[in-house]
Amino acid sequence: MMKKELGLFLLILVVGCVVAVLNPRFLSPINLGNTANLIGLFGLFSLGEGIVIITGGIELSIGSIFALLGVIFIDLLVTYALPWWQAVIITVLGGTVLGAIHGYLVTKLKLQPFIVTLCGLLIYRGVARYYTNDGTAGFEFGQRLPTLEWITTGRTAGVPHSFIVFLIVAALMAVVLHRSVFGRYLFAVGKNEEAARYSGIRTNWVIAAAYILCGALAGLSSIYLAMYTRSISPASHGNFYELYGIAAAVLGGCSLRGGEGSILGIVLGTILLQVLQNLVNLLGIPSSLNFAVMGTVILIGVLADQQLTRLRNRKRAR
């Protein structure tokens, strides 16, 4: 795995150097700070997406979860005037519950993860639009939440708190995935669920836990995204964000077949994606091509994974 991560790190350096040469503004403190903030915002939920992919599943409803939990979070603060910490707990619990529902449908009712989360994508966005009567949810004019704003959008020594929280969560997830029995179970289930079951692993519990963890991180991310945008249009908020998470995981070495991946790889994949997005902006490439760039990146990542798998199989055959 370290070869993949080293290659990804070198690719980030090369792309960063090319962008810096083409546009020196890339290395300006303002641009680096803004890029770090976006890495933090997108990295949080990419970690959860990666954990699900390692089990051989997929999570397509994250963007719609952001829309639903985002409008609920703002409503709790504005309409119901709840203390910010209570609104945070409720929102994270909401994401956890949605993850648990996905886990139940996948493990107990044996539905395909693609179908479960695709339905979630449609249902949650529809509920969010109904909840706001297809309007926009936002904070009242002049409303201030200094502590919450400092935690979510503040900076320390120029480093965005979203980026710091992302690194802390990534470190915790690295311990869980690479230094715990649960982490070994995740890889085992992703490699061969049936073999894992026969070896005594409670595969249903492991898969459900992966979706619950992903849902909790989506709930946390929805808070950071809501505070970043300050207003949410449920028809568009979070659209296609699940693709960013999938792209970051795939670029980081997570195989869509399951059983492979690392937290460091997902972190590096997230960084590479945001550097590429920054390249698009700084070089004056039309923003409409953002998704084209992302789609190309996912395709290259999948092709590279396929080629590496073939090479490994050939070596084993010898």
Protein backbone atom coordinates (compact mmCIF):
# COMPACT_ATOMS: atom_id res chain seq x y z
CA MET A 1 0.00 0.00 0.00
CA MET A 2 2.84 2.39 0.77
CA LYS A 3 3.88 2.35 -2.90
CA LYS A 4 0.45 3.67 -3.89
CA GLU A 5 0.57 6.37 -1.23
CA LEU A 6 4.10 7.42 -2.12
CA GLY A 7 3.14 7.64 -5.79
CA LEU A 8 0.10 9.73 -4.89
CA PHE A 9 2.21 12.04 -2.72
CA LEU A 10 4.71 12.56 -5.55
CA LEU A 11 1.84 13.24 -7.97
CA ILE A 12 0.50 15.92 -5.60
CA LEU A 13 3.96 17.54 -5.47
CA VAL A 14 4.30 17.48 -9.26
CA VAL A 15 0.82 18.93 -9.85
CA GLY A 16 1.41 21.55 -7.12
CA CYS A 17 4.73 22.61 -8.67
CA VAL A 18 3.19 22.84 -12.16
CA VAL A 19 0.30 24.97 -10.86
CA ALA A 20 2.70 27.19 -8.87
CA VAL A 21 4.80 27.79 -12.00
CA LEU A 22 1.74 28.55 -14.15
CA ASN A 23 0.18 30.79 -11.50
CA PRO A 24 2.28 31.97 -8.50
CA ARG A 25 -0.94 32.82 -6.61
CA PHE A 26 -1.21 29.10 -5.84
CA LEU A 27 1.40 29.51 -3.07
CA SER A 28 -0.14 32.65 -1.57
CA PRO A 29 -1.20 32.27 2.10
CA ILE A 30 -4.82 33.15 1.23
CA ASN A 31 -5.07 30.50 -1.49
CA LEU A 32 -3.32 27.83 0.60
CA GLY A 33 -5.62 28.61 3.54
CA ASN A 34 -8.73 28.38 1.39
CA THR A 35 -7.54 25.13 -0.19
CA ALA A 36 -6.80 23.66 3.26
CA ASN A 37 -10.32 24.63 4.36
CA LEU A 38 -11.85 22.80 1.39
CA ILE A 39 -9.64 19.77 2.03
CA GLY A 40 -11.02 19.67 5.57
CA LEU A 41 -14.64 20.11 4.46
CA PHE A 42 -14.48 17.40 1.80
CA GLY A 43 -12.07 15.14 3.65
CA LEU A 44 -14.33 14.48 6.64
CA PHE A 45 -17.03 12.69 4.68
CA SER A 46 -14.51 11.11 2.27
CA LEU A 47 -13.12 9.15 5.23
CA GLY A 48 -16.57 7.68 5.90
CA GLU A 49 -17.07 6.93 2.21
CA GLY A 50 -13.73 5.14 2.13
CA ILE A 51 -14.62 2.91 5.10
CA VAL A 52 -17.83 1.79 3.34
CA ILE A 53 -15.96 1.15 0.07
CA ILE A 54 -13.40 -1.01 1.93
CA THR A 55 -16.28 -3.32 2.96
CA GLY A 56 -17.26 -3.65 -0.70
CA GLY A 57 -20.21 -1.25 -0.39
CA ILE A 58 -20.99 2.22 -1.71
CA GLU A 59 -22.65 5.33 -0.27
CA LEU A 60 -24.45 7.51 -2.81
CA SER A 61 -26.72 9.53 -0.53
CA ILE A 62 -24.16 11.70 1.27
CA GLY A 63 -24.94 14.87 -0.72
CA SER A 64 -28.66 14.54 0.02
CA ILE A 65 -27.89 13.88 3.70
CA PHE A 66 -26.06 17.22 3.73
CA ALA A 67 -29.15 18.94 2.36
CA LEU A 68 -31.53 17.30 4.86
CA LEU A 69 -29.38 17.57 7.98
CA GLY A 70 -28.18 21.03 6.96
CA VAL A 71 -31.67 22.55 6.85
CA ILE A 72 -32.60 20.78 10.09
CA PHE A 73 -29.43 22.07 11.78
CA ILE A 74 -30.12 25.67 10.73
CA ASP A 75 -33.77 25.35 11.74
CA LEU A 76 -32.79 24.11 15.21
CA LEU A 77 -30.60 27.18 15.68
CA VAL A 78 -32.86 29.80 14.06
CA THR A 79 -36.47 28.68 14.62
CA TYR A 80 -36.12 26.66 17.83
CA ALA A 81 -33.18 28.68 19.23
CA LEU A 82 -31.50 25.60 20.66
CA PRO A 83 -28.02 25.98 22.16
CA TRP A 84 -25.49 25.28 19.41
CA TRP A 85 -24.06 22.20 21.13
CA GLN A 86 -27.49 20.58 21.32
CA ALA A 87 -28.07 21.26 17.62
CA VAL A 88 -24.66 19.71 16.85
CA ILE A 89 -25.45 16.55 18.85
CA ILE A 90 -28.88 16.16 17.22
CA THR A 91 -27.41 16.61 13.73
CA VAL A 92 -24.60 14.08 14.25
CA LEU A 93 -27.10 11.63 15.79
CA GLY A 94 -29.35 12.19 12.76
CA GLY A 95 -26.53 11.15 10.43
CA THR A 96 -25.78 8.16 12.65
CA VAL A 97 -29.43 7.03 12.50
CA LEU A 98 -29.51 7.32 8.71
CA GLY A 99 -26.31 5.27 8.53
CA ALA A 100 -27.87 2.66 10.80
CA ILE A 101 -30.93 2.46 8.52
CA HIS A 102 -28.67 1.89 5.51
CA GLY A 103 -26.74 -0.76 7.42
CA TYR A 104 -29.96 -2.53 8.41
CA LEU A 105 -31.32 -2.56 4.85
CA VAL A 106 -28.02 -3.88 3.46
CA THR A 107 -27.35 -6.54 6.10
CA LYS A 108 -30.76 -7.72 7.33
CA LEU A 109 -32.90 -7.25 4.22
CA LYS A 110 -29.98 -8.11 1.89
CA LEU A 111 -30.57 -5.15 -0.43
CA GLN A 112 -27.76 -3.97 -2.70
CA PRO A 113 -25.86 -0.97 -1.21
CA PHE A 114 -26.16 0.81 -4.57
CA ILE A 115 -29.98 0.56 -4.48
CA VAL A 116 -30.28 1.46 -0.78
CA THR A 117 -28.15 4.59 -1.01
CA LEU A 118 -29.55 5.63 -4.40
CA CYS A 119 -33.03 5.57 -2.86
CA GLY A 120 -31.64 7.54 0.07
CA LEU A 121 -30.23 10.11 -2.34
CA LEU A 122 -33.72 10.69 -3.77
CA ILE A 123 -35.68 10.44 -0.51
CA TYR A 124 -33.53 12.73 1.67
CA ARG A 125 -33.34 15.52 -0.90
CA GLY A 126 -37.09 15.27 -1.49
CA VAL A 127 -37.76 15.47 2.26
CA ALA A 128 -35.37 18.44 2.59
CA ARG A 129 -37.18 20.31 -0.19
CA TYR A 130 -40.56 19.54 1.39
CA TYR A 131 -39.28 20.59 4.83
CA THR A 132 -38.36 24.06 3.56
CA ASN A 133 -41.25 24.26 1.07
CA ASP A 134 -38.56 24.34 -1.63
CA GLY A 135 -37.16 27.51 -0.10
CA THR A 136 -33.74 28.41 1.25
CA ALA A 137 -32.76 27.85 4.87
CA GLY A 138 -30.36 30.37 6.32
CA PHE A 139 -29.38 32.28 9.42
CA GLU A 140 -31.17 35.46 10.38
CA PHE A 141 -29.53 38.75 9.44
CA GLY A 142 -26.85 39.59 11.98
CA GLN A 143 -27.25 36.33 13.90
CA ARG A 144 -23.97 35.41 15.52
CA LEU A 145 -22.84 32.14 17.08
CA PRO A 146 -19.27 33.05 18.04
CA THR A 147 -18.19 29.75 19.63
CA LEU A 148 -19.67 27.60 16.88
CA GLU A 149 -18.28 29.91 14.19
CA TRP A 150 -14.82 29.75 15.76
CA ILE A 151 -14.92 25.94 15.88
CA THR A 152 -16.18 25.50 12.32
CA THR A 153 -14.94 28.46 10.28
CA GLY A 154 -12.22 29.91 12.51
CA ARG A 155 -8.47 29.66 12.02
CA THR A 156 -5.48 29.21 14.32
CA ALA A 157 -2.16 30.59 13.06
CA GLY A 158 -3.78 30.78 9.62
CA VAL A 159 -4.74 27.08 9.61
CA PRO A 160 -8.51 26.49 9.16
CA HIS A 161 -10.14 24.56 12.00
CA SER A 162 -11.95 22.38 9.46
CA PHE A 163 -8.53 21.14 8.29
CA ILE A 164 -7.35 20.55 11.87
CA VAL A 165 -10.51 18.58 12.72
CA PHE A 166 -10.07 16.57 9.52
CA LEU A 167 -6.51 15.60 10.51
CA ILE A 168 -7.63 14.65 14.03
CA VAL A 169 -10.50 12.50 12.71
CA ALA A 170 -8.15 10.96 10.11
CA ALA A 171 -5.65 10.04 12.85
CA LEU A 172 -8.42 8.41 14.93
CA MET A 173 -9.75 6.57 11.88
CA ALA A 174 -6.23 5.36 11.05
CA VAL A 175 -5.99 3.77 14.49
CA VAL A 176 -9.42 2.17 14.05
CA LEU A 177 -8.71 0.85 10.54
CA HIS A 178 -5.07 -0.18 10.84
CA ARG A 179 -4.53 -0.88 14.54
CA SER A 180 -7.72 -2.57 15.72
CA VAL A 181 -9.50 -5.89 15.35
CA PHE A 182 -12.49 -4.06 13.87
CA GLY A 183 -10.25 -2.66 11.14
CA ARG A 184 -9.00 -6.15 10.24
CA TYR A 185 -12.61 -7.32 10.11
CA LEU A 186 -13.46 -4.50 7.68
CA PHE A 187 -10.72 -5.65 5.28
CA ALA A 188 -11.68 -9.30 5.69
CA VAL A 189 -15.34 -8.62 4.90
CA GLY A 190 -14.37 -6.55 1.86
CA LYS A 191 -12.03 -9.25 0.54
CA ASN A 192 -14.46 -12.13 0.91
CA GLU A 193 -17.60 -11.73 3.00
CA GLU A 194 -18.51 -15.42 2.90
CA ALA A 195 -15.05 -16.55 3.99
CA ALA A 196 -15.08 -13.94 6.76
CA ARG A 197 -18.44 -15.26 7.99
CA TYR A 198 -17.19 -18.85 8.06
CA SER A 199 -14.13 -17.74 10.03
CA GLY A 200 -16.41 -16.48 12.81
CA ILE A 201 -16.61 -12.78 11.99
CA ARG A 202 -20.03 -11.18 12.53
CA THR A 203 -20.06 -9.75 9.03
CA ASN A 204 -23.48 -8.10 9.32
CA TRP A 205 -22.36 -6.20 12.39
CA VAL A 206 -19.12 -5.09 10.71
CA ILE A 207 -20.89 -3.85 7.55
CA ALA A 208 -23.61 -2.08 9.56
CA ALA A 209 -20.94 -0.42 11.73
CA ALA A 210 -19.21 0.90 8.58
CA TYR A 211 -22.44 2.58 7.42
CA ILE A 212 -23.12 3.96 10.90
CA LEU A 213 -19.61 5.43 11.03
CA CYS A 214 -20.07 6.92 7.57
CA GLY A 215 -23.42 8.42 8.61
CA ALA A 216 -21.93 9.98 11.75
CA LEU A 217 -19.13 11.60 9.73
CA ALA A 218 -21.72 12.83 7.20
CA GLY A 219 -23.65 14.41 10.08
CA LEU A 220 -20.49 16.16 11.31
CA SER A 221 -19.66 17.29 7.78
CA SER A 222 -23.16 18.69 7.28
CA ILE A 223 -22.53 21.07 10.21
CA TYR A 224 -19.24 22.32 8.78
CA LEU A 225 -20.76 22.75 5.31
CA ALA A 226 -23.80 24.59 6.71
CA MET A 227 -21.58 27.02 8.63
CA TYR A 228 -19.37 27.44 5.55
CA THR A 229 -22.22 28.32 3.18
CA ARG A 230 -24.43 30.06 5.84
CA SER A 231 -27.51 29.22 3.75
CA ILE A 232 -28.81 26.05 2.15
CA SER A 233 -30.90 25.57 -0.96
CA PRO A 234 -32.03 21.94 -0.55
CA ALA A 235 -32.46 21.49 -4.31
CA SER A 236 -28.73 21.98 -4.93
CA HIS A 237 -26.82 21.89 -1.63
CA GLY A 238 -24.37 18.97 -1.62
CA ASN A 239 -25.17 17.89 -5.17
CA PHE A 240 -22.67 15.25 -6.35
CA TYR A 241 -20.59 15.59 -3.16
CA GLU A 242 -20.74 11.81 -2.78
CA LEU A 243 -18.70 11.65 -6.00
CA TYR A 244 -15.95 13.70 -4.37
CA GLY A 245 -15.85 11.19 -1.54
CA ILE A 246 -15.76 8.22 -3.92
CA ALA A 247 -13.08 9.89 -6.06
CA ALA A 248 -10.90 10.66 -3.01
CA ALA A 249 -11.21 7.06 -1.79
CA VAL A 250 -10.51 5.52 -5.19
CA LEU A 251 -7.53 7.81 -5.79
CA GLY A 252 -6.28 6.89 -2.32
CA GLY A 253 -6.13 3.22 -3.18
CA CYS A 254 -9.56 2.00 -2.05
CA SER A 255 -10.70 -0.69 -4.47
CA LEU A 256 -14.37 -0.58 -5.48
CA ARG A 257 -14.27 -4.38 -5.17
CA GLY A 258 -13.56 -3.94 -1.46
CA GLY A 259 -10.82 -5.19 0.85
CA GLU A 260 -8.23 -2.52 0.04
CA GLY A 261 -7.53 1.02 1.15
CA SER A 262 -5.88 3.20 3.77
CA ILE A 263 -6.69 6.37 5.67
CA LEU A 264 -3.46 8.04 4.51
CA GLY A 265 -4.44 7.24 0.94
CA ILE A 266 -7.88 8.84 1.38
CA VAL A 267 -6.24 11.94 2.90
CA LEU A 268 -3.85 12.21 -0.05
CA GLY A 269 -6.70 11.55 -2.51
CA THR A 270 -8.69 14.41 -0.99
CA ILE A 271 -5.69 16.74 -1.20
CA LEU A 272 -5.08 15.83 -4.86
CA LEU A 273 -8.72 16.45 -5.77
CA GLN A 274 -8.72 19.89 -4.19
CA VAL A 275 -5.38 20.80 -5.78
CA LEU A 276 -6.89 19.85 -9.15
CA GLN A 277 -9.99 21.94 -8.39
CA ASN A 278 -7.69 24.82 -7.47
CA LEU A 279 -5.82 24.33 -10.75
CA VAL A 280 -9.10 24.65 -12.67
CA ASN A 281 -9.90 27.92 -10.88
CA LEU A 282 -6.43 29.52 -11.07
CA LEU A 283 -5.88 28.68 -14.74
CA GLY A 284 -9.21 30.20 -15.73
CA ILE A 285 -10.67 26.91 -16.94
CA PRO A 286 -14.49 27.16 -16.99
CA SER A 287 -15.93 25.95 -13.67
CA SER A 288 -18.45 23.92 -15.68
CA LEU A 289 -15.57 21.53 -16.41
CA ASN A 290 -15.10 20.73 -12.69
CA PHE A 291 -17.18 17.58 -12.94
CA ALA A 292 -15.41 16.58 -16.16
CA VAL A 293 -12.08 16.84 -14.33
CA MET A 294 -13.44 14.81 -11.42
CA GLY A 295 -14.91 12.15 -13.71
CA THR A 296 -11.60 11.83 -15.54
CA VAL A 297 -9.77 11.48 -12.22
CA ILE A 298 -12.13 8.70 -11.06
CA LEU A 299 -11.71 6.89 -14.39
CA ILE A 300 -7.91 7.08 -14.22
CA GLY A 301 -8.00 5.86 -10.61
CA VAL A 302 -10.19 2.85 -11.49
CA LEU A 303 -8.03 1.98 -14.53
CA ALA A 304 -4.87 2.19 -12.42
CA ASP A 305 -6.44 -0.04 -9.75
CA GLN A 306 -7.44 -2.56 -12.42
CA GLN A 307 -3.95 -2.67 -13.91
CA LEU A 308 -2.33 -3.08 -10.49
CA THR A 309 -4.71 -5.95 -9.68
CA ARG A 310 -3.82 -7.69 -12.94
CA LEU A 311 -0.09 -7.32 -12.22
CA ARG A 312 -0.54 -8.80 -8.74
CA ASN A 313 -2.52 -11.75 -10.13
CA ARG A 314 0.19 -12.44 -12.71
CA LYS A 315 2.90 -12.45 -10.01
CA ARG A 316 0.86 -14.85 -7.87
CA ALA A 317 0.29 -17.13 -10.89
CA ARG A 318 4.06 -17.38 -11.36
